[in-house]
């Protein structure tokens, strides 16, 4: 956005500054999510939604190669097992939608910002990474599809994923920090990495044949 001159440059700089403070351990995760959400929403104020959607599509080819090699086989195996893939990210939904389209995944969510007359207002409507965010989305998704959370699988690697991981019968904690791995071990969660993830997904599929 800064390169394109879209949005309020000072507010975009605020987003990066807050992320830097979090990485240096100066603020906690919840405060980081709250401040970055507010700053990004303010940065978008007055920008046309179609411009951001177009930018997301333009950027995606540069990001495509950053996808883990297991992602496409993972989607294929979930579908073969009768599971319904659902992508949830704290990234803007405009970018998440491009990823989901690439992978052929209909169900997806990301951070959402209010739009009036085609322009962003500066208000954040949904931030999945906020406390309760991904958990609420997961519960609503399960109700919509008649899925049993006790038989469902969640793959996550960040602090914002912990609530969703705790909701399901098959939580997979992926290459997380040592602190989060310690929490996962204490809760009896399966720790996975890029080498063994698909094997664990296959195991879950065998335990839940042809059911979402």
N, C-alpha and C. Protein backbone atom coordinates (compact mmCIF):
# COMPACT_ATOMS: atom_id res chain seq x y z
N UNK A 1 0.82 -1.21 0.00
CA UNK A 1 0.00 0.00 0.00
C UNK A 1 0.86 1.26 0.00
N UNK A 2 1.95 1.23 0.79
CA UNK A 2 2.82 2.40 0.85
C UNK A 2 3.45 2.69 -0.51
N UNK A 3 3.86 1.62 -1.22
CA UNK A 3 4.48 1.80 -2.53
C UNK A 3 3.49 2.41 -3.53
N UNK A 4 2.22 2.05 -3.38
CA UNK A 4 1.18 2.53 -4.29
C UNK A 4 0.60 3.88 -3.86
N UNK A 5 0.94 4.30 -2.66
CA UNK A 5 0.37 5.54 -2.15
C UNK A 5 -1.08 5.40 -1.75
N UNK A 6 -1.49 4.16 -1.47
CA UNK A 6 -2.88 3.92 -1.04
C UNK A 6 -2.96 4.11 0.47
N UNK A 7 -3.98 4.80 0.91
CA UNK A 7 -4.21 4.95 2.34
C UNK A 7 -3.32 5.99 2.97
N UNK A 8 -3.41 6.08 4.29
CA UNK A 8 -2.66 7.07 5.05
C UNK A 8 -1.32 6.48 5.47
N UNK A 9 -0.26 7.01 4.87
CA UNK A 9 1.07 6.45 5.05
C UNK A 9 1.48 6.40 6.52
N UNK A 10 1.17 7.44 7.28
CA UNK A 10 1.56 7.48 8.69
C UNK A 10 0.93 6.34 9.47
N UNK A 11 -0.32 6.01 9.14
CA UNK A 11 -1.01 4.93 9.85
C UNK A 11 -0.43 3.56 9.46
N UNK A 12 -0.02 3.41 8.20
CA UNK A 12 0.62 2.17 7.78
C UNK A 12 1.94 2.00 8.52
N UNK A 13 2.68 3.10 8.69
CA UNK A 13 3.92 3.06 9.45
C UNK A 13 3.65 2.67 10.89
N UNK A 14 2.50 3.11 11.42
CA UNK A 14 2.13 2.74 12.79
C UNK A 14 1.96 1.23 12.93
N UNK A 15 1.36 0.60 11.90
CA UNK A 15 1.18 -0.85 11.93
C UNK A 15 2.54 -1.54 12.07
N UNK A 16 3.48 -1.15 11.23
CA UNK A 16 4.80 -1.78 11.26
C UNK A 16 5.53 -1.50 12.57
N UNK A 17 5.33 -0.32 13.13
CA UNK A 17 5.98 0.03 14.39
C UNK A 17 5.46 -0.84 15.53
N UNK A 18 4.16 -1.07 15.55
CA UNK A 18 3.56 -1.90 16.60
C UNK A 18 4.05 -3.34 16.47
N UNK A 19 4.11 -3.84 15.25
CA UNK A 19 4.60 -5.21 15.04
C UNK A 19 6.05 -5.32 15.53
N UNK A 20 6.83 -4.29 15.27
CA UNK A 20 8.21 -4.28 15.74
C UNK A 20 8.30 -4.32 17.26
N UNK A 21 7.44 -3.57 17.93
CA UNK A 21 7.42 -3.58 19.40
C UNK A 21 7.06 -4.96 19.94
N UNK A 22 6.12 -5.62 19.27
CA UNK A 22 5.72 -6.96 19.70
C UNK A 22 6.88 -7.94 19.54
N UNK A 23 7.56 -7.87 18.41
CA UNK A 23 8.67 -8.79 18.16
C UNK A 23 9.82 -8.57 19.13
N UNK A 24 9.95 -7.34 19.63
CA UNK A 24 11.00 -7.05 20.62
C UNK A 24 10.57 -7.38 22.03
N UNK A 25 9.33 -7.86 22.18
CA UNK A 25 8.84 -8.24 23.50
C UNK A 25 8.38 -7.07 24.35
N UNK A 26 8.11 -5.92 23.73
CA UNK A 26 7.72 -4.74 24.49
C UNK A 26 6.23 -4.71 24.80
N UNK A 27 5.41 -5.39 24.01
CA UNK A 27 3.97 -5.46 24.26
C UNK A 27 3.51 -6.89 24.08
N UNK A 28 2.36 -7.21 24.66
CA UNK A 28 1.81 -8.55 24.57
C UNK A 28 1.01 -8.72 23.27
N UNK A 29 0.70 -9.96 22.95
CA UNK A 29 0.02 -10.28 21.70
C UNK A 29 -1.32 -9.56 21.58
N UNK A 30 -2.12 -9.59 22.63
CA UNK A 30 -3.46 -8.99 22.55
C UNK A 30 -3.37 -7.50 22.25
N UNK A 31 -2.43 -6.81 22.90
CA UNK A 31 -2.27 -5.38 22.64
C UNK A 31 -1.79 -5.14 21.21
N UNK A 32 -0.91 -6.00 20.73
CA UNK A 32 -0.43 -5.87 19.35
C UNK A 32 -1.58 -5.99 18.37
N UNK A 33 -2.45 -6.98 18.57
CA UNK A 33 -3.58 -7.18 17.67
C UNK A 33 -4.51 -5.96 17.70
N UNK A 34 -4.80 -5.48 18.88
CA UNK A 34 -5.70 -4.33 19.02
C UNK A 34 -5.15 -3.10 18.32
N UNK A 35 -3.86 -2.82 18.54
CA UNK A 35 -3.27 -1.60 17.98
C UNK A 35 -3.08 -1.70 16.47
N UNK A 36 -2.65 -2.87 15.98
CA UNK A 36 -2.46 -3.00 14.53
C UNK A 36 -3.80 -2.96 13.80
N UNK A 37 -4.83 -3.54 14.40
CA UNK A 37 -6.16 -3.51 13.78
C UNK A 37 -6.65 -2.08 13.63
N UNK A 38 -6.51 -1.29 14.70
CA UNK A 38 -6.96 0.10 14.67
C UNK A 38 -6.14 0.92 13.68
N UNK A 39 -4.83 0.69 13.65
CA UNK A 39 -3.97 1.47 12.76
C UNK A 39 -4.23 1.12 11.30
N UNK A 40 -4.41 -0.16 11.01
CA UNK A 40 -4.66 -0.56 9.62
C UNK A 40 -6.03 -0.05 9.16
N UNK A 41 -7.03 -0.12 10.05
CA UNK A 41 -8.35 0.40 9.71
C UNK A 41 -8.26 1.89 9.38
N UNK A 42 -7.51 2.62 10.20
CA UNK A 42 -7.34 4.06 9.96
C UNK A 42 -6.60 4.32 8.65
N UNK A 43 -5.63 3.46 8.34
CA UNK A 43 -4.86 3.61 7.10
C UNK A 43 -5.76 3.45 5.87
N UNK A 44 -6.76 2.61 5.99
CA UNK A 44 -7.65 2.33 4.86
C UNK A 44 -8.72 3.40 4.64
N UNK A 45 -8.96 4.23 5.63
CA UNK A 45 -10.06 5.19 5.56
C UNK A 45 -10.01 6.01 4.27
N UNK A 46 -11.12 5.94 3.52
CA UNK A 46 -11.24 6.70 2.28
C UNK A 46 -10.78 5.97 1.04
N UNK A 47 -10.08 4.84 1.20
CA UNK A 47 -9.58 4.09 0.05
C UNK A 47 -10.71 3.27 -0.56
N UNK A 48 -10.73 3.17 -1.87
CA UNK A 48 -11.74 2.35 -2.53
C UNK A 48 -11.45 0.87 -2.33
N UNK A 49 -12.47 0.12 -2.02
CA UNK A 49 -12.32 -1.32 -1.80
C UNK A 49 -11.78 -2.02 -3.04
N UNK A 50 -12.22 -1.60 -4.21
CA UNK A 50 -11.77 -2.23 -5.44
C UNK A 50 -10.26 -2.05 -5.65
N UNK A 51 -9.70 -0.95 -5.16
CA UNK A 51 -8.26 -0.73 -5.28
C UNK A 51 -7.49 -1.73 -4.44
N UNK A 52 -7.98 -2.00 -3.23
CA UNK A 52 -7.30 -2.94 -2.35
C UNK A 52 -7.43 -4.36 -2.89
N UNK A 53 -8.59 -4.69 -3.43
CA UNK A 53 -8.78 -6.01 -4.04
C UNK A 53 -7.85 -6.19 -5.23
N UNK A 54 -7.71 -5.16 -6.03
CA UNK A 54 -6.82 -5.24 -7.20
C UNK A 54 -5.36 -5.37 -6.76
N UNK A 55 -4.99 -4.67 -5.71
CA UNK A 55 -3.62 -4.75 -5.20
C UNK A 55 -3.33 -6.15 -4.68
N UNK A 56 -4.30 -6.75 -3.99
CA UNK A 56 -4.11 -8.11 -3.48
C UNK A 56 -3.85 -9.09 -4.62
N UNK A 57 -4.59 -8.95 -5.70
CA UNK A 57 -4.40 -9.84 -6.85
C UNK A 57 -3.05 -9.59 -7.53
N UNK A 58 -2.62 -8.35 -7.51
CA UNK A 58 -1.33 -8.02 -8.12
C UNK A 58 -0.17 -8.58 -7.29
N UNK A 59 -0.31 -8.53 -5.98
CA UNK A 59 0.75 -8.98 -5.08
C UNK A 59 0.85 -10.50 -5.03
N UNK A 60 -0.28 -11.18 -5.18
CA UNK A 60 -0.31 -12.63 -4.95
C UNK A 60 0.74 -13.42 -5.72
N UNK A 61 0.98 -13.14 -7.02
CA UNK A 61 1.99 -13.92 -7.73
C UNK A 61 3.37 -13.88 -7.08
N UNK A 62 3.69 -12.78 -6.38
CA UNK A 62 4.98 -12.70 -5.68
C UNK A 62 5.00 -13.56 -4.42
N UNK A 63 3.82 -13.81 -3.87
CA UNK A 63 3.73 -14.57 -2.62
C UNK A 63 3.48 -16.05 -2.84
N UNK A 64 3.05 -16.43 -4.03
CA UNK A 64 2.65 -17.81 -4.30
C UNK A 64 3.74 -18.81 -3.94
N UNK A 65 4.97 -18.49 -4.26
CA UNK A 65 6.07 -19.43 -4.01
C UNK A 65 6.40 -19.57 -2.53
N UNK A 66 5.84 -18.69 -1.69
CA UNK A 66 6.09 -18.78 -0.25
C UNK A 66 5.17 -19.80 0.43
N UNK A 67 4.18 -20.31 -0.29
CA UNK A 67 3.31 -21.34 0.28
C UNK A 67 4.13 -22.59 0.57
N UNK A 68 3.89 -23.19 1.73
CA UNK A 68 4.54 -24.46 2.03
C UNK A 68 4.13 -25.49 0.97
N UNK A 69 5.04 -26.38 0.65
CA UNK A 69 4.75 -27.37 -0.38
C UNK A 69 3.64 -28.33 0.01
N UNK A 70 3.37 -28.45 1.30
CA UNK A 70 2.35 -29.40 1.74
C UNK A 70 0.93 -28.85 1.62
N UNK A 71 0.77 -27.54 1.34
CA UNK A 71 -0.55 -26.93 1.42
C UNK A 71 -1.53 -27.54 0.42
N UNK A 72 -1.14 -27.65 -0.82
CA UNK A 72 -2.05 -28.20 -1.82
C UNK A 72 -2.38 -29.68 -1.54
N UNK A 73 -1.37 -30.53 -1.23
CA UNK A 73 -1.71 -31.91 -0.85
C UNK A 73 -2.59 -31.98 0.39
N UNK A 74 -2.40 -31.05 1.30
CA UNK A 74 -3.23 -31.02 2.51
C UNK A 74 -4.70 -30.81 2.16
N UNK A 75 -4.97 -29.82 1.31
CA UNK A 75 -6.35 -29.55 0.89
C UNK A 75 -6.94 -30.78 0.21
N UNK A 76 -6.15 -31.40 -0.65
CA UNK A 76 -6.61 -32.58 -1.38
C UNK A 76 -6.96 -33.71 -0.42
N UNK A 77 -6.11 -33.95 0.58
CA UNK A 77 -6.35 -35.04 1.53
C UNK A 77 -7.54 -34.75 2.44
N UNK A 78 -7.71 -33.51 2.82
CA UNK A 78 -8.87 -33.17 3.64
C UNK A 78 -10.16 -33.47 2.88
N UNK A 79 -10.20 -33.06 1.63
CA UNK A 79 -11.40 -33.30 0.83
C UNK A 79 -11.63 -34.80 0.61
N UNK A 80 -10.56 -35.53 0.35
CA UNK A 80 -10.69 -36.97 0.13
C UNK A 80 -11.22 -37.68 1.36
N UNK A 81 -10.94 -37.10 2.53
CA UNK A 81 -11.42 -37.68 3.80
C UNK A 81 -12.82 -37.21 4.16
N UNK A 82 -13.42 -36.39 3.29
CA UNK A 82 -14.76 -35.87 3.57
C UNK A 82 -14.76 -34.67 4.48
N UNK A 83 -13.61 -34.06 4.70
CA UNK A 83 -13.51 -32.87 5.55
C UNK A 83 -13.69 -31.61 4.71
N UNK A 84 -14.13 -30.55 5.34
CA UNK A 84 -14.37 -29.27 4.66
C UNK A 84 -13.25 -28.31 5.03
N UNK A 85 -12.39 -27.93 4.11
CA UNK A 85 -11.32 -26.98 4.42
C UNK A 85 -11.89 -25.59 4.75
N UNK A 86 -11.27 -24.94 5.70
CA UNK A 86 -11.70 -23.61 6.12
C UNK A 86 -10.45 -22.82 6.46
N UNK A 87 -10.17 -21.75 5.72
CA UNK A 87 -8.99 -20.93 5.94
C UNK A 87 -9.38 -19.71 6.75
N UNK A 88 -8.73 -19.52 7.90
CA UNK A 88 -8.97 -18.34 8.74
C UNK A 88 -7.62 -17.69 9.04
N UNK A 89 -7.54 -16.41 8.78
CA UNK A 89 -6.30 -15.67 9.00
C UNK A 89 -6.62 -14.28 9.51
N UNK A 90 -5.67 -13.69 10.21
CA UNK A 90 -5.83 -12.30 10.63
C UNK A 90 -5.44 -11.33 9.53
N UNK A 91 -4.92 -11.85 8.43
CA UNK A 91 -4.62 -11.00 7.27
C UNK A 91 -5.92 -10.43 6.70
N UNK A 92 -5.84 -9.32 5.99
CA UNK A 92 -7.05 -8.74 5.39
C UNK A 92 -7.76 -9.75 4.50
N UNK A 93 -9.07 -9.77 4.58
CA UNK A 93 -9.86 -10.75 3.85
C UNK A 93 -9.65 -10.62 2.34
N UNK A 94 -9.29 -9.44 1.88
CA UNK A 94 -9.05 -9.26 0.45
C UNK A 94 -7.89 -10.14 -0.02
N UNK A 95 -6.86 -10.29 0.83
CA UNK A 95 -5.73 -11.15 0.48
C UNK A 95 -6.07 -12.62 0.73
N UNK A 96 -6.78 -12.90 1.81
CA UNK A 96 -7.16 -14.28 2.11
C UNK A 96 -8.04 -14.84 0.99
N UNK A 97 -8.89 -14.00 0.44
CA UNK A 97 -9.79 -14.44 -0.64
C UNK A 97 -9.00 -14.87 -1.87
N UNK A 98 -7.91 -14.17 -2.17
CA UNK A 98 -7.08 -14.53 -3.32
C UNK A 98 -6.42 -15.89 -3.08
N UNK A 99 -5.90 -16.10 -1.87
CA UNK A 99 -5.30 -17.39 -1.51
C UNK A 99 -6.33 -18.50 -1.61
N UNK A 100 -7.52 -18.27 -1.05
CA UNK A 100 -8.56 -19.29 -1.05
C UNK A 100 -8.98 -19.64 -2.48
N UNK A 101 -9.08 -18.64 -3.33
CA UNK A 101 -9.43 -18.88 -4.73
C UNK A 101 -8.36 -19.74 -5.40
N UNK A 102 -7.10 -19.42 -5.13
CA UNK A 102 -5.99 -20.19 -5.70
C UNK A 102 -6.07 -21.66 -5.30
N UNK A 103 -6.46 -21.91 -4.05
CA UNK A 103 -6.52 -23.27 -3.54
C UNK A 103 -7.87 -23.94 -3.77
N UNK A 104 -8.83 -23.20 -4.30
CA UNK A 104 -10.15 -23.75 -4.53
C UNK A 104 -10.93 -23.99 -3.26
N UNK A 105 -10.68 -23.16 -2.24
CA UNK A 105 -11.35 -23.29 -0.95
C UNK A 105 -12.44 -22.22 -0.84
N UNK A 106 -13.68 -22.66 -0.74
CA UNK A 106 -14.80 -21.71 -0.73
C UNK A 106 -14.92 -20.98 0.61
N UNK A 107 -14.67 -21.70 1.69
CA UNK A 107 -14.88 -21.13 3.03
C UNK A 107 -13.59 -20.50 3.56
N UNK A 108 -13.66 -19.21 3.83
CA UNK A 108 -12.48 -18.51 4.33
C UNK A 108 -12.90 -17.24 5.06
N UNK A 109 -12.05 -16.78 5.94
CA UNK A 109 -12.29 -15.53 6.65
C UNK A 109 -10.96 -14.85 6.92
N UNK A 110 -11.01 -13.53 7.02
CA UNK A 110 -9.86 -12.72 7.38
C UNK A 110 -10.35 -11.46 8.07
N UNK A 111 -9.46 -10.57 8.37
CA UNK A 111 -9.90 -9.32 9.00
C UNK A 111 -10.74 -8.53 8.00
N UNK A 112 -11.81 -7.97 8.50
CA UNK A 112 -12.77 -7.26 7.65
C UNK A 112 -12.94 -5.82 8.15
N UNK A 113 -13.04 -4.91 7.20
CA UNK A 113 -13.12 -3.49 7.52
C UNK A 113 -14.35 -2.89 6.83
N UNK A 114 -15.02 -2.00 7.55
CA UNK A 114 -16.30 -1.46 7.08
C UNK A 114 -16.13 -0.67 5.78
N UNK A 115 -17.12 -0.82 4.90
CA UNK A 115 -17.13 -0.13 3.61
C UNK A 115 -18.48 0.55 3.43
N UNK A 116 -18.47 1.80 3.05
CA UNK A 116 -19.69 2.54 2.72
C UNK A 116 -19.47 3.21 1.37
N UNK A 117 -20.41 2.99 0.46
CA UNK A 117 -20.31 3.55 -0.88
C UNK A 117 -18.99 3.20 -1.55
N UNK A 118 -18.54 1.97 -1.31
CA UNK A 118 -17.34 1.49 -1.99
C UNK A 118 -16.02 1.91 -1.38
N UNK A 119 -16.06 2.68 -0.29
CA UNK A 119 -14.83 3.13 0.36
C UNK A 119 -14.78 2.69 1.83
N UNK A 120 -13.58 2.39 2.28
CA UNK A 120 -13.40 1.99 3.68
C UNK A 120 -13.64 3.18 4.60
N UNK A 121 -14.28 2.91 5.72
CA UNK A 121 -14.63 3.99 6.65
C UNK A 121 -13.60 4.22 7.74
N UNK A 122 -12.70 3.26 7.94
CA UNK A 122 -11.73 3.37 9.03
C UNK A 122 -12.12 2.54 10.24
N UNK A 123 -13.16 1.71 10.10
CA UNK A 123 -13.63 0.86 11.21
C UNK A 123 -13.30 -0.60 10.93
N UNK A 124 -12.79 -1.28 11.93
CA UNK A 124 -12.54 -2.72 11.84
C UNK A 124 -13.78 -3.47 12.31
N UNK A 125 -14.32 -4.33 11.44
CA UNK A 125 -15.53 -5.09 11.78
C UNK A 125 -15.21 -6.46 12.38
N UNK A 126 -14.12 -7.06 11.92
CA UNK A 126 -13.78 -8.41 12.37
C UNK A 126 -12.26 -8.58 12.37
N UNK A 127 -11.72 -9.02 13.51
CA UNK A 127 -10.31 -9.34 13.60
C UNK A 127 -10.18 -10.74 14.19
N UNK A 128 -9.97 -11.75 13.34
CA UNK A 128 -9.90 -13.13 13.83
C UNK A 128 -8.85 -13.35 14.91
N UNK A 129 -7.76 -12.59 14.87
CA UNK A 129 -6.70 -12.79 15.86
C UNK A 129 -7.01 -12.23 17.24
N UNK A 130 -8.08 -11.44 17.37
CA UNK A 130 -8.45 -10.89 18.67
C UNK A 130 -9.01 -11.99 19.56
N UNK A 131 -8.97 -11.80 20.89
CA UNK A 131 -9.52 -12.82 21.79
C UNK A 131 -10.95 -13.21 21.40
N UNK A 132 -11.17 -14.51 21.25
CA UNK A 132 -12.49 -15.03 20.90
C UNK A 132 -12.78 -15.03 19.41
N UNK A 133 -11.91 -14.40 18.61
CA UNK A 133 -12.19 -14.25 17.18
C UNK A 133 -12.25 -15.55 16.41
N UNK A 134 -11.16 -16.30 16.40
CA UNK A 134 -11.13 -17.54 15.63
C UNK A 134 -12.04 -18.60 16.25
N UNK A 135 -12.16 -18.57 17.56
CA UNK A 135 -13.06 -19.53 18.22
C UNK A 135 -14.50 -19.30 17.78
N UNK A 136 -14.94 -18.05 17.75
CA UNK A 136 -16.31 -17.74 17.33
C UNK A 136 -16.54 -18.13 15.88
N UNK A 137 -15.56 -17.84 15.02
CA UNK A 137 -15.69 -18.20 13.62
C UNK A 137 -15.77 -19.71 13.44
N UNK A 138 -14.96 -20.43 14.20
CA UNK A 138 -14.96 -21.89 14.11
C UNK A 138 -16.29 -22.47 14.56
N UNK A 139 -16.83 -21.96 15.64
CA UNK A 139 -18.10 -22.46 16.14
C UNK A 139 -19.22 -22.20 15.13
N UNK A 140 -19.23 -21.00 14.55
CA UNK A 140 -20.25 -20.67 13.55
C UNK A 140 -20.12 -21.56 12.32
N UNK A 141 -18.88 -21.81 11.91
CA UNK A 141 -18.63 -22.67 10.75
C UNK A 141 -19.12 -24.09 11.02
N UNK A 142 -18.88 -24.59 12.23
CA UNK A 142 -19.33 -25.94 12.59
C UNK A 142 -20.85 -26.04 12.56
N UNK A 143 -21.53 -25.02 13.06
CA UNK A 143 -22.99 -25.02 13.05
C UNK A 143 -23.49 -24.99 11.60
N UNK A 144 -22.89 -24.15 10.79
CA UNK A 144 -23.31 -24.01 9.39
C UNK A 144 -23.22 -25.33 8.64
N UNK A 145 -22.17 -26.10 8.90
CA UNK A 145 -21.94 -27.34 8.15
C UNK A 145 -22.33 -28.60 8.93
N UNK A 146 -22.86 -28.43 10.12
CA UNK A 146 -23.26 -29.58 10.91
C UNK A 146 -22.08 -30.45 11.32
N UNK A 147 -20.94 -29.83 11.54
CA UNK A 147 -19.72 -30.56 11.91
C UNK A 147 -19.59 -30.68 13.43
N UNK A 148 -19.03 -31.78 13.88
CA UNK A 148 -18.76 -31.98 15.30
C UNK A 148 -17.34 -31.51 15.59
N UNK A 149 -17.20 -30.52 16.46
CA UNK A 149 -15.88 -30.00 16.76
C UNK A 149 -14.99 -31.06 17.40
N UNK A 150 -15.58 -31.97 18.13
CA UNK A 150 -14.81 -33.03 18.75
C UNK A 150 -14.16 -33.97 17.76
N UNK A 151 -14.64 -33.95 16.52
CA UNK A 151 -14.07 -34.81 15.47
C UNK A 151 -13.35 -33.99 14.40
N UNK A 152 -13.24 -32.68 14.65
CA UNK A 152 -12.64 -31.78 13.67
C UNK A 152 -11.16 -31.55 13.96
N UNK A 153 -10.50 -30.94 12.98
CA UNK A 153 -9.05 -30.72 13.04
C UNK A 153 -8.78 -29.24 12.85
N UNK A 154 -7.88 -28.70 13.66
CA UNK A 154 -7.40 -27.33 13.48
C UNK A 154 -5.87 -27.36 13.42
N UNK A 155 -5.34 -26.65 12.45
CA UNK A 155 -3.89 -26.48 12.31
C UNK A 155 -3.57 -25.03 12.59
N UNK A 156 -2.69 -24.79 13.56
CA UNK A 156 -2.33 -23.42 13.90
C UNK A 156 -0.92 -23.35 14.45
N UNK A 157 -0.36 -22.14 14.46
CA UNK A 157 1.01 -22.00 14.94
C UNK A 157 1.26 -20.74 15.76
N UNK A 158 0.20 -19.98 16.04
CA UNK A 158 0.40 -18.72 16.75
C UNK A 158 -0.49 -18.58 17.96
N UNK A 159 -0.21 -17.55 18.73
CA UNK A 159 -0.99 -17.31 19.95
C UNK A 159 -2.46 -17.10 19.64
N UNK A 160 -2.75 -16.49 18.50
CA UNK A 160 -4.13 -16.25 18.11
C UNK A 160 -4.88 -17.50 17.71
N UNK A 161 -4.16 -18.63 17.60
CA UNK A 161 -4.79 -19.90 17.22
C UNK A 161 -5.15 -20.77 18.42
N UNK A 162 -4.69 -20.40 19.61
CA UNK A 162 -4.82 -21.29 20.77
C UNK A 162 -6.27 -21.60 21.10
N UNK A 163 -7.13 -20.60 21.06
CA UNK A 163 -8.54 -20.83 21.40
C UNK A 163 -9.19 -21.79 20.42
N UNK A 164 -8.88 -21.65 19.14
CA UNK A 164 -9.47 -22.55 18.14
C UNK A 164 -8.91 -23.96 18.31
N UNK A 165 -7.64 -24.08 18.57
CA UNK A 165 -7.03 -25.40 18.80
C UNK A 165 -7.69 -26.11 19.97
N UNK A 166 -8.02 -25.34 21.00
CA UNK A 166 -8.62 -25.92 22.21
C UNK A 166 -10.06 -26.39 21.99
N UNK A 167 -10.67 -25.98 20.87
CA UNK A 167 -12.07 -26.29 20.61
C UNK A 167 -12.28 -27.66 19.98
N UNK A 168 -11.24 -28.22 19.37
CA UNK A 168 -11.44 -29.40 18.54
C UNK A 168 -10.80 -30.65 19.13
N UNK A 169 -11.22 -31.78 18.58
CA UNK A 169 -10.69 -33.06 19.07
C UNK A 169 -9.32 -33.39 18.52
N UNK A 170 -8.91 -32.69 17.43
CA UNK A 170 -7.63 -33.00 16.79
C UNK A 170 -6.85 -31.70 16.54
N UNK A 171 -6.28 -31.12 17.60
CA UNK A 171 -5.48 -29.91 17.43
C UNK A 171 -4.06 -30.26 16.99
N UNK A 172 -3.61 -29.60 15.92
CA UNK A 172 -2.25 -29.80 15.41
C UNK A 172 -1.50 -28.48 15.52
N UNK A 173 -0.49 -28.44 16.37
CA UNK A 173 0.29 -27.23 16.59
C UNK A 173 1.53 -27.29 15.69
N UNK A 174 1.58 -26.38 14.73
CA UNK A 174 2.57 -26.45 13.66
C UNK A 174 3.77 -25.54 13.88
N UNK A 175 4.94 -26.12 14.08
CA UNK A 175 6.20 -25.39 14.15
C UNK A 175 6.07 -24.09 14.94
N UNK A 176 5.51 -24.20 16.11
CA UNK A 176 5.27 -23.03 16.95
C UNK A 176 6.51 -22.68 17.78
N UNK A 177 6.44 -21.56 18.46
CA UNK A 177 7.53 -21.15 19.34
C UNK A 177 7.66 -22.14 20.50
N UNK A 178 8.79 -22.10 21.17
CA UNK A 178 9.01 -23.03 22.29
C UNK A 178 7.98 -22.80 23.40
N UNK A 179 7.58 -21.56 23.61
CA UNK A 179 6.59 -21.27 24.66
C UNK A 179 5.24 -21.87 24.30
N UNK A 180 4.83 -21.73 23.04
CA UNK A 180 3.54 -22.30 22.62
C UNK A 180 3.62 -23.82 22.58
N UNK A 181 4.76 -24.37 22.18
CA UNK A 181 4.91 -25.83 22.19
C UNK A 181 4.76 -26.38 23.60
N UNK A 182 5.30 -25.66 24.58
CA UNK A 182 5.17 -26.09 25.97
C UNK A 182 3.70 -26.12 26.37
N UNK A 183 2.94 -25.11 25.94
CA UNK A 183 1.50 -25.11 26.23
C UNK A 183 0.81 -26.27 25.54
N UNK A 184 1.20 -26.52 24.29
CA UNK A 184 0.60 -27.62 23.55
C UNK A 184 0.86 -28.96 24.20
N UNK A 185 2.08 -29.18 24.63
CA UNK A 185 2.43 -30.44 25.30
C UNK A 185 1.63 -30.60 26.57
N UNK A 186 1.50 -29.50 27.33
CA UNK A 186 0.74 -29.55 28.58
C UNK A 186 -0.73 -29.89 28.35
N UNK A 187 -1.25 -29.52 27.20
CA UNK A 187 -2.66 -29.78 26.87
C UNK A 187 -2.85 -31.08 26.10
N UNK A 188 -1.76 -31.76 25.81
CA UNK A 188 -1.86 -33.02 25.08
C UNK A 188 -2.08 -32.87 23.60
N UNK A 189 -1.70 -31.73 23.05
CA UNK A 189 -1.87 -31.49 21.63
C UNK A 189 -0.74 -32.14 20.84
N UNK A 190 -1.02 -32.43 19.58
CA UNK A 190 -0.01 -33.01 18.70
C UNK A 190 0.86 -31.90 18.11
N UNK A 191 2.16 -32.00 18.29
CA UNK A 191 3.09 -31.07 17.67
C UNK A 191 3.51 -31.63 16.32
N UNK A 192 3.42 -30.82 15.29
CA UNK A 192 3.73 -31.29 13.93
C UNK A 192 4.67 -30.31 13.25
N UNK A 193 5.34 -30.80 12.21
CA UNK A 193 6.16 -29.93 11.38
C UNK A 193 5.90 -30.25 9.92
N UNK A 194 6.60 -29.57 9.03
CA UNK A 194 6.32 -29.72 7.60
C UNK A 194 6.64 -31.13 7.09
N UNK A 195 7.47 -31.86 7.84
CA UNK A 195 7.85 -33.20 7.40
C UNK A 195 6.80 -34.25 7.74
N UNK A 196 6.08 -34.06 8.85
CA UNK A 196 5.15 -35.12 9.28
C UNK A 196 3.69 -34.69 9.33
N UNK A 197 3.39 -33.45 8.94
CA UNK A 197 2.01 -32.95 9.02
C UNK A 197 1.03 -33.83 8.27
N UNK A 198 1.33 -34.16 7.03
CA UNK A 198 0.39 -34.92 6.21
C UNK A 198 0.15 -36.31 6.80
N UNK A 199 1.14 -36.91 7.41
CA UNK A 199 0.96 -38.21 8.06
C UNK A 199 -0.04 -38.10 9.20
N UNK A 200 0.05 -37.03 9.98
CA UNK A 200 -0.89 -36.85 11.09
C UNK A 200 -2.30 -36.56 10.57
N UNK A 201 -2.41 -35.83 9.48
CA UNK A 201 -3.72 -35.58 8.88
C UNK A 201 -4.33 -36.88 8.40
N UNK A 202 -3.53 -37.74 7.80
CA UNK A 202 -4.02 -39.04 7.35
C UNK A 202 -4.51 -39.87 8.54
N UNK A 203 -3.81 -39.77 9.66
CA UNK A 203 -4.22 -40.51 10.87
C UNK A 203 -5.58 -40.01 11.35
N UNK A 204 -5.75 -38.69 11.37
CA UNK A 204 -7.05 -38.13 11.79
C UNK A 204 -8.14 -38.59 10.83
N UNK A 205 -7.84 -38.60 9.54
CA UNK A 205 -8.83 -39.02 8.55
C UNK A 205 -9.27 -40.47 8.78
N UNK A 206 -8.34 -41.32 9.16
CA UNK A 206 -8.70 -42.71 9.42
C UNK A 206 -9.59 -42.84 10.65
N UNK A 207 -9.43 -41.92 11.59
CA UNK A 207 -10.27 -41.95 12.79
C UNK A 207 -11.66 -41.38 12.54
N UNK A 208 -11.79 -40.59 11.47
CA UNK A 208 -13.06 -39.93 11.17
C UNK A 208 -13.43 -40.16 9.71
N UNK A 209 -13.73 -41.35 9.33
CA UNK A 209 -13.97 -41.65 7.91
C UNK A 209 -15.21 -40.94 7.36
N UNK A 210 -14.95 -40.16 6.28
CA UNK A 210 -16.01 -39.53 5.47
C UNK A 210 -16.95 -38.62 6.23
N UNK A 211 -16.51 -38.06 7.34
CA UNK A 211 -17.33 -37.10 8.08
C UNK A 211 -16.53 -35.81 8.24
N UNK A 212 -17.21 -34.63 8.15
CA UNK A 212 -16.50 -33.35 8.33
C UNK A 212 -16.12 -33.16 9.80
